[in-house]
Amino acid sequence: MSPADALVLLLWLFVFAFVIFIAMAFLFAALTGWSALARRYPEHGLEHGEPYRLRGVVVGEWGWSAPPVTGYLDDYGILLVAKRPFGIPFRPVHVPWGDVKNVTRRKYMFFEVAEMRYGKIATRRIGFGPSPFVSEIEKRLDLVF
């Protein structure tokens, strides 16, 4: 095999791996419920507050993990933005304060988590690992309710 053929083969393998990665990310976004969440709560393009780096975010009742996420709090609500390269399948989610029902801290396996219930009848949840982001949500909820 010539060096040019090896380079072409390597390029095709890279393209194939990238396509598989994107397809799996779209599948994962659908399975976690993130896609439905993003359709229900699209980003509004408002100015965002201070960014919070979130180490662990779990979406849905079955404990599906999300990709690395940056969280923002603004007057409208809670904005979750997936980091690159996950930003295409995991579109931003902007949950309004009026739909946030409560935030509860509890132990989950070996970790302390904060579960945020949202929606009209509070049947949906997003779990966050411990961070200053959760404390700020709790402060804002005390102001809202």
N, C-alpha and C. Protein backbone atom coordinates (compact mmCIF):
# COMPACT_ATOMS: atom_id res chain seq x y z
N MET A 1 0.85 -1.17 0.00
CA MET A 1 0.00 0.00 0.00
C MET A 1 0.90 1.23 0.00
N SER A 2 0.59 2.13 -0.90
CA SER A 2 1.39 3.35 -1.01
C SER A 2 1.01 4.32 0.11
N PRO A 3 1.89 5.28 0.40
CA PRO A 3 1.58 6.28 1.43
C PRO A 3 0.31 7.10 1.09
N ALA A 4 0.10 7.35 -0.19
CA ALA A 4 -1.10 8.10 -0.59
C ALA A 4 -2.37 7.28 -0.31
N ASP A 5 -2.32 5.97 -0.61
CA ASP A 5 -3.47 5.11 -0.32
C ASP A 5 -3.73 5.02 1.19
N ALA A 6 -2.66 4.94 1.97
CA ALA A 6 -2.81 4.88 3.43
C ALA A 6 -3.42 6.17 3.96
N LEU A 7 -3.02 7.30 3.40
CA LEU A 7 -3.57 8.59 3.81
C LEU A 7 -5.05 8.69 3.47
N VAL A 8 -5.43 8.23 2.28
CA VAL A 8 -6.84 8.24 1.89
C VAL A 8 -7.64 7.31 2.80
N LEU A 9 -7.12 6.14 3.08
CA LEU A 9 -7.79 5.20 3.99
C LEU A 9 -7.96 5.81 5.39
N LEU A 10 -6.90 6.45 5.88
CA LEU A 10 -6.96 7.09 7.19
C LEU A 10 -8.00 8.22 7.20
N LEU A 11 -8.07 8.98 6.13
CA LEU A 11 -9.06 10.05 6.02
C LEU A 11 -10.48 9.48 6.03
N TRP A 12 -10.71 8.42 5.28
CA TRP A 12 -12.02 7.78 5.27
C TRP A 12 -12.39 7.20 6.63
N LEU A 13 -11.43 6.62 7.33
CA LEU A 13 -11.70 6.12 8.68
C LEU A 13 -12.06 7.25 9.63
N PHE A 14 -11.39 8.38 9.51
CA PHE A 14 -11.71 9.55 10.34
C PHE A 14 -13.12 10.05 10.05
N VAL A 15 -13.48 10.16 8.78
CA VAL A 15 -14.82 10.60 8.40
C VAL A 15 -15.87 9.61 8.91
N PHE A 16 -15.62 8.33 8.75
CA PHE A 16 -16.55 7.31 9.23
C PHE A 16 -16.73 7.40 10.75
N ALA A 17 -15.63 7.55 11.50
CA ALA A 17 -15.72 7.66 12.95
C ALA A 17 -16.49 8.90 13.37
N PHE A 18 -16.29 10.01 12.66
CA PHE A 18 -17.00 11.25 12.97
C PHE A 18 -18.50 11.09 12.72
N VAL A 19 -18.86 10.48 11.61
CA VAL A 19 -20.28 10.25 11.30
C VAL A 19 -20.92 9.35 12.36
N ILE A 20 -20.23 8.30 12.76
CA ILE A 20 -20.74 7.41 13.80
C ILE A 20 -20.90 8.16 15.12
N PHE A 21 -19.93 9.00 15.47
CA PHE A 21 -19.99 9.79 16.69
C PHE A 21 -21.22 10.71 16.68
N ILE A 22 -21.45 11.42 15.59
CA ILE A 22 -22.60 12.33 15.49
C ILE A 22 -23.91 11.54 15.55
N ALA A 23 -23.98 10.42 14.85
CA ALA A 23 -25.20 9.60 14.88
C ALA A 23 -25.48 9.10 16.29
N MET A 24 -24.46 8.65 16.99
CA MET A 24 -24.64 8.17 18.37
C MET A 24 -25.06 9.32 19.29
N ALA A 25 -24.52 10.51 19.07
CA ALA A 25 -24.90 11.66 19.90
C ALA A 25 -26.37 12.01 19.69
N PHE A 26 -26.85 11.99 18.44
CA PHE A 26 -28.27 12.24 18.18
C PHE A 26 -29.14 11.17 18.84
N LEU A 27 -28.72 9.91 18.74
CA LEU A 27 -29.46 8.82 19.38
C LEU A 27 -29.49 9.00 20.89
N PHE A 28 -28.36 9.34 21.46
CA PHE A 28 -28.26 9.55 22.90
C PHE A 28 -29.14 10.73 23.34
N ALA A 29 -29.16 11.81 22.57
CA ALA A 29 -30.01 12.97 22.89
C ALA A 29 -31.48 12.58 22.88
N ALA A 30 -31.87 11.72 21.95
CA ALA A 30 -33.26 11.27 21.89
C ALA A 30 -33.58 10.33 23.07
N LEU A 31 -32.67 9.41 23.38
CA LEU A 31 -32.92 8.45 24.46
C LEU A 31 -32.97 9.11 25.83
N THR A 32 -32.16 10.12 26.05
CA THR A 32 -32.14 10.78 27.36
C THR A 32 -33.35 11.68 27.58
N GLY A 33 -34.01 12.08 26.51
CA GLY A 33 -35.11 13.03 26.64
C GLY A 33 -34.66 14.46 26.43
N TRP A 34 -33.36 14.66 26.19
CA TRP A 34 -32.85 16.01 25.99
C TRP A 34 -33.48 16.66 24.76
N SER A 35 -33.66 15.91 23.68
CA SER A 35 -34.24 16.47 22.45
C SER A 35 -35.65 16.98 22.71
N ALA A 36 -36.46 16.18 23.41
CA ALA A 36 -37.83 16.61 23.73
C ALA A 36 -37.81 17.82 24.65
N LEU A 37 -36.89 17.84 25.58
CA LEU A 37 -36.75 18.97 26.50
C LEU A 37 -36.37 20.24 25.73
N ALA A 38 -35.47 20.12 24.77
CA ALA A 38 -35.05 21.27 23.97
C ALA A 38 -36.18 21.78 23.07
N ARG A 39 -37.03 20.88 22.59
CA ARG A 39 -38.19 21.32 21.79
C ARG A 39 -39.21 22.05 22.65
N ARG A 40 -39.40 21.55 23.87
CA ARG A 40 -40.38 22.17 24.77
C ARG A 40 -39.88 23.49 25.34
N TYR A 41 -38.59 23.57 25.65
CA TYR A 41 -38.00 24.76 26.26
C TYR A 41 -36.83 25.27 25.42
N PRO A 42 -37.10 25.86 24.25
CA PRO A 42 -35.99 26.35 23.42
C PRO A 42 -35.32 27.58 24.02
N GLU A 43 -34.10 27.81 23.61
CA GLU A 43 -33.37 29.00 24.06
C GLU A 43 -34.04 30.25 23.48
N HIS A 44 -34.09 31.31 24.26
CA HIS A 44 -34.77 32.53 23.83
C HIS A 44 -33.83 33.60 23.34
N GLY A 45 -32.54 33.38 23.38
CA GLY A 45 -31.59 34.36 22.89
C GLY A 45 -31.44 35.56 23.81
N LEU A 46 -31.89 35.44 25.05
CA LEU A 46 -31.73 36.53 26.00
C LEU A 46 -30.29 36.57 26.49
N GLU A 47 -29.92 37.69 27.10
CA GLU A 47 -28.59 37.79 27.66
C GLU A 47 -28.46 36.85 28.86
N HIS A 48 -27.36 36.14 28.92
CA HIS A 48 -27.17 35.14 29.96
C HIS A 48 -26.35 35.71 31.10
N GLY A 49 -26.51 35.12 32.26
CA GLY A 49 -25.73 35.52 33.42
C GLY A 49 -24.38 34.85 33.44
N GLU A 50 -23.85 34.71 34.63
CA GLU A 50 -22.55 34.08 34.82
C GLU A 50 -22.61 32.60 34.47
N PRO A 51 -21.61 32.08 33.75
CA PRO A 51 -21.61 30.65 33.42
C PRO A 51 -21.17 29.80 34.61
N TYR A 52 -21.83 28.65 34.76
CA TYR A 52 -21.47 27.67 35.78
C TYR A 52 -21.09 26.38 35.07
N ARG A 53 -19.91 25.87 35.37
CA ARG A 53 -19.47 24.60 34.80
C ARG A 53 -20.10 23.49 35.62
N LEU A 54 -20.91 22.67 34.98
CA LEU A 54 -21.62 21.60 35.68
C LEU A 54 -20.90 20.28 35.43
N ARG A 55 -20.52 19.61 36.48
CA ARG A 55 -19.78 18.34 36.35
C ARG A 55 -20.67 17.18 35.99
N GLY A 56 -21.87 17.17 36.50
CA GLY A 56 -22.76 16.05 36.22
C GLY A 56 -24.19 16.51 36.09
N VAL A 57 -24.81 16.19 34.98
CA VAL A 57 -26.22 16.52 34.76
C VAL A 57 -26.90 15.23 34.30
N VAL A 58 -28.02 14.91 34.93
CA VAL A 58 -28.79 13.72 34.58
C VAL A 58 -30.18 14.18 34.17
N VAL A 59 -30.62 13.73 33.00
CA VAL A 59 -31.92 14.13 32.48
C VAL A 59 -32.84 12.92 32.47
N GLY A 60 -34.05 13.10 32.96
CA GLY A 60 -35.06 12.06 32.87
C GLY A 60 -35.17 11.18 34.10
N GLU A 61 -36.16 10.34 34.08
CA GLU A 61 -36.46 9.47 35.21
C GLU A 61 -35.54 8.26 35.29
N TRP A 62 -34.86 7.94 34.21
CA TRP A 62 -34.07 6.71 34.19
C TRP A 62 -32.59 6.97 34.40
N GLY A 63 -32.23 8.19 34.73
CA GLY A 63 -30.85 8.49 35.08
C GLY A 63 -29.89 8.52 33.92
N TRP A 64 -30.30 9.02 32.79
CA TRP A 64 -29.40 9.15 31.65
C TRP A 64 -28.50 10.36 31.85
N SER A 65 -27.22 10.19 31.67
CA SER A 65 -26.30 11.31 31.80
C SER A 65 -26.31 12.15 30.54
N ALA A 66 -26.04 13.41 30.72
CA ALA A 66 -25.95 14.34 29.60
C ALA A 66 -24.46 14.60 29.32
N PRO A 67 -24.16 15.24 28.19
CA PRO A 67 -22.76 15.58 27.92
C PRO A 67 -22.32 16.70 28.87
N PRO A 68 -21.06 17.10 28.81
CA PRO A 68 -20.62 18.24 29.63
C PRO A 68 -21.49 19.46 29.33
N VAL A 69 -21.95 20.12 30.39
CA VAL A 69 -22.93 21.20 30.25
C VAL A 69 -22.47 22.44 30.99
N THR A 70 -22.77 23.61 30.42
CA THR A 70 -22.60 24.88 31.11
C THR A 70 -23.99 25.38 31.46
N GLY A 71 -24.18 25.82 32.70
CA GLY A 71 -25.47 26.33 33.15
C GLY A 71 -25.43 27.83 33.33
N TYR A 72 -26.55 28.47 33.03
CA TYR A 72 -26.70 29.92 33.21
C TYR A 72 -28.03 30.17 33.92
N LEU A 73 -28.07 31.20 34.73
CA LEU A 73 -29.30 31.63 35.37
C LEU A 73 -29.58 33.06 34.93
N ASP A 74 -30.81 33.32 34.51
CA ASP A 74 -31.18 34.67 34.13
C ASP A 74 -32.59 34.95 34.64
N ASP A 75 -33.12 36.10 34.30
CA ASP A 75 -34.45 36.47 34.79
C ASP A 75 -35.54 35.56 34.23
N TYR A 76 -35.30 34.94 33.08
CA TYR A 76 -36.29 34.06 32.46
C TYR A 76 -36.31 32.67 33.12
N GLY A 77 -35.12 32.14 33.40
CA GLY A 77 -35.08 30.80 33.96
C GLY A 77 -33.69 30.21 33.97
N ILE A 78 -33.63 28.91 33.76
CA ILE A 78 -32.40 28.13 33.82
C ILE A 78 -32.03 27.68 32.41
N LEU A 79 -30.84 28.05 31.97
CA LEU A 79 -30.36 27.70 30.64
C LEU A 79 -29.26 26.66 30.77
N LEU A 80 -29.39 25.57 30.03
CA LEU A 80 -28.37 24.52 29.97
C LEU A 80 -27.86 24.41 28.55
N VAL A 81 -26.55 24.54 28.38
CA VAL A 81 -25.93 24.51 27.05
C VAL A 81 -24.86 23.43 27.04
N ALA A 82 -25.00 22.46 26.14
CA ALA A 82 -24.00 21.40 26.00
C ALA A 82 -22.74 21.96 25.35
N LYS A 83 -21.61 21.47 25.80
CA LYS A 83 -20.34 21.93 25.24
C LYS A 83 -20.08 21.27 23.89
N ARG A 84 -19.19 21.90 23.12
CA ARG A 84 -18.83 21.35 21.83
C ARG A 84 -18.10 20.03 22.03
N PRO A 85 -18.21 19.08 21.19
CA PRO A 85 -18.94 19.02 19.92
C PRO A 85 -20.38 18.52 20.08
N PHE A 86 -20.90 18.51 21.30
CA PHE A 86 -22.23 17.97 21.54
C PHE A 86 -23.34 18.98 21.28
N GLY A 87 -23.00 20.21 20.96
CA GLY A 87 -23.98 21.28 20.82
C GLY A 87 -24.99 21.09 19.70
N ILE A 88 -24.66 20.32 18.68
CA ILE A 88 -25.60 20.12 17.57
C ILE A 88 -26.74 19.18 17.99
N PRO A 89 -26.45 17.97 18.47
CA PRO A 89 -27.57 17.10 18.86
C PRO A 89 -28.20 17.52 20.20
N PHE A 90 -27.42 18.12 21.09
CA PHE A 90 -27.93 18.56 22.39
C PHE A 90 -28.13 20.07 22.35
N ARG A 91 -29.26 20.48 21.78
CA ARG A 91 -29.54 21.92 21.66
C ARG A 91 -29.77 22.54 23.04
N PRO A 92 -29.58 23.87 23.16
CA PRO A 92 -29.77 24.52 24.47
C PRO A 92 -31.20 24.35 24.99
N VAL A 93 -31.31 24.25 26.32
CA VAL A 93 -32.58 24.10 27.01
C VAL A 93 -32.73 25.28 27.96
N HIS A 94 -33.87 25.98 27.90
CA HIS A 94 -34.11 27.16 28.74
C HIS A 94 -35.43 26.97 29.49
N VAL A 95 -35.38 26.43 30.71
CA VAL A 95 -36.57 26.15 31.50
C VAL A 95 -36.97 27.42 32.25
N PRO A 96 -38.20 27.93 32.04
CA PRO A 96 -38.62 29.15 32.74
C PRO A 96 -38.83 28.90 34.23
N TRP A 97 -38.63 29.94 35.03
CA TRP A 97 -38.79 29.82 36.47
C TRP A 97 -40.19 29.35 36.84
N GLY A 98 -41.18 29.75 36.10
CA GLY A 98 -42.55 29.36 36.41
C GLY A 98 -42.80 27.87 36.29
N ASP A 99 -41.98 27.17 35.52
CA ASP A 99 -42.13 25.72 35.36
C ASP A 99 -41.27 24.92 36.33
N VAL A 100 -40.37 25.58 37.06
CA VAL A 100 -39.55 24.88 38.05
C VAL A 100 -40.38 24.73 39.31
N LYS A 101 -40.65 23.50 39.68
CA LYS A 101 -41.53 23.25 40.83
C LYS A 101 -40.76 23.17 42.14
N ASN A 102 -39.62 22.50 42.15
CA ASN A 102 -38.82 22.42 43.37
C ASN A 102 -37.43 21.88 43.06
N VAL A 103 -36.54 22.07 44.02
CA VAL A 103 -35.20 21.49 43.97
C VAL A 103 -35.00 20.76 45.28
N THR A 104 -34.68 19.49 45.21
CA THR A 104 -34.52 18.66 46.39
C THR A 104 -33.12 18.05 46.38
N ARG A 105 -32.43 18.18 47.50
CA ARG A 105 -31.12 17.54 47.63
C ARG A 105 -31.31 16.17 48.25
N ARG A 106 -30.60 15.16 47.72
CA ARG A 106 -30.69 13.81 48.27
C ARG A 106 -29.45 13.02 47.87
N LYS A 107 -29.29 11.87 48.48
CA LYS A 107 -28.19 10.96 48.13
C LYS A 107 -28.66 10.06 47.00
N TYR A 108 -27.81 9.89 46.00
CA TYR A 108 -28.09 8.99 44.88
C TYR A 108 -26.84 8.16 44.68
N MET A 109 -26.95 6.89 44.93
CA MET A 109 -25.80 5.99 44.94
C MET A 109 -24.80 6.52 45.97
N PHE A 110 -23.63 6.97 45.50
CA PHE A 110 -22.60 7.46 46.41
C PHE A 110 -22.49 8.97 46.38
N PHE A 111 -23.39 9.66 45.69
CA PHE A 111 -23.24 11.08 45.45
C PHE A 111 -24.41 11.87 46.03
N GLU A 112 -24.12 13.11 46.40
CA GLU A 112 -25.19 14.03 46.73
C GLU A 112 -25.65 14.67 45.42
N VAL A 113 -26.93 14.67 45.18
CA VAL A 113 -27.46 15.28 43.97
C VAL A 113 -28.59 16.23 44.34
N ALA A 114 -28.90 17.11 43.41
CA ALA A 114 -30.05 17.99 43.56
C ALA A 114 -30.97 17.70 42.39
N GLU A 115 -32.19 17.31 42.68
CA GLU A 115 -33.17 17.03 41.63
C GLU A 115 -34.07 18.24 41.45
N MET A 116 -34.18 18.69 40.21
CA MET A 116 -35.07 19.79 39.90
C MET A 116 -36.28 19.22 39.19
N ARG A 117 -37.44 19.39 39.77
CA ARG A 117 -38.68 18.96 39.13
C ARG A 117 -39.24 20.14 38.36
N TYR A 118 -39.72 19.86 37.15
CA TYR A 118 -40.25 20.93 36.31
C TYR A 118 -41.45 20.43 35.54
N GLY A 119 -42.14 21.34 34.89
CA GLY A 119 -43.30 20.98 34.07
C GLY A 119 -44.59 21.31 34.77
N LYS A 120 -45.67 21.14 34.06
CA LYS A 120 -46.99 21.50 34.59
C LYS A 120 -47.36 20.70 35.83
N ILE A 121 -47.02 19.41 35.87
CA ILE A 121 -47.35 18.60 37.04
C ILE A 121 -46.09 18.03 37.71
N ALA A 122 -44.95 18.64 37.40
CA ALA A 122 -43.67 18.30 38.05
C ALA A 122 -43.33 16.82 37.96
N THR A 123 -43.55 16.23 36.80
CA THR A 123 -43.22 14.81 36.63
C THR A 123 -41.85 14.61 36.01
N ARG A 124 -41.24 15.63 35.54
CA ARG A 124 -39.93 15.53 34.89
C ARG A 124 -38.85 15.96 35.87
N ARG A 125 -37.62 15.45 35.62
CA ARG A 125 -36.55 15.86 36.51
C ARG A 125 -35.25 16.03 35.76
N ILE A 126 -34.42 16.90 36.31
CA ILE A 126 -33.04 17.07 35.89
C ILE A 126 -32.23 16.99 37.17
N GLY A 127 -31.23 16.15 37.20
CA GLY A 127 -30.37 16.02 38.37
C GLY A 127 -29.05 16.72 38.15
N PHE A 128 -28.58 17.40 39.17
CA PHE A 128 -27.30 18.11 39.11
C PHE A 128 -26.39 17.58 40.20
N GLY A 129 -25.11 17.47 39.89
CA GLY A 129 -24.13 17.19 40.92
C GLY A 129 -23.98 18.43 41.78
N PRO A 130 -23.40 18.28 42.97
CA PRO A 130 -23.26 19.44 43.86
C PRO A 130 -22.40 20.52 43.21
N SER A 131 -22.89 21.74 43.25
CA SER A 131 -22.16 22.86 42.67
C SER A 131 -22.79 24.16 43.15
N PRO A 132 -22.08 25.28 43.01
CA PRO A 132 -22.67 26.58 43.36
C PRO A 132 -23.92 26.88 42.52
N PHE A 133 -24.04 26.25 41.35
CA PHE A 133 -25.21 26.44 40.48
C PHE A 133 -26.49 26.05 41.21
N VAL A 134 -26.46 24.93 41.92
CA VAL A 134 -27.65 24.46 42.65
C VAL A 134 -28.01 25.44 43.76
N SER A 135 -27.01 25.94 44.47
CA SER A 135 -27.28 26.91 45.54
C SER A 135 -27.92 28.17 44.98
N GLU A 136 -27.47 28.61 43.81
CA GLU A 136 -28.05 29.80 43.19
C GLU A 136 -29.49 29.54 42.74
N ILE A 137 -29.77 28.35 42.24
CA ILE A 137 -31.14 28.00 41.86
C ILE A 137 -32.04 28.06 43.10
N GLU A 138 -31.56 27.48 44.20
CA GLU A 138 -32.34 27.49 45.43
C GLU A 138 -32.60 28.92 45.92
N LYS A 139 -31.60 29.78 45.84
CA LYS A 139 -31.78 31.19 46.23
C LYS A 139 -32.84 31.86 45.36
N ARG A 140 -32.76 31.63 44.06
CA ARG A 140 -33.72 32.25 43.15
C ARG A 140 -35.12 31.71 43.37
N LEU A 141 -35.24 30.42 43.65
CA LEU A 141 -36.57 29.86 43.90
C LEU A 141 -37.18 30.46 45.16
N ASP A 142 -36.37 30.75 46.18
CA ASP A 142 -36.89 31.41 47.37
C ASP A 142 -37.44 32.79 47.02
N LEU A 143 -36.81 33.44 46.04
CA LEU A 143 -37.29 34.76 45.60
C LEU A 143 -38.55 34.64 44.75
N VAL A 144 -38.62 33.56 43.94
CA VAL A 144 -39.74 33.41 43.01
C VAL A 144 -41.01 32.97 43.73
N PHE A 145 -40.89 32.00 44.64
CA PHE A 145 -42.09 31.45 45.27
C PHE A 145 -42.46 32.19 46.52
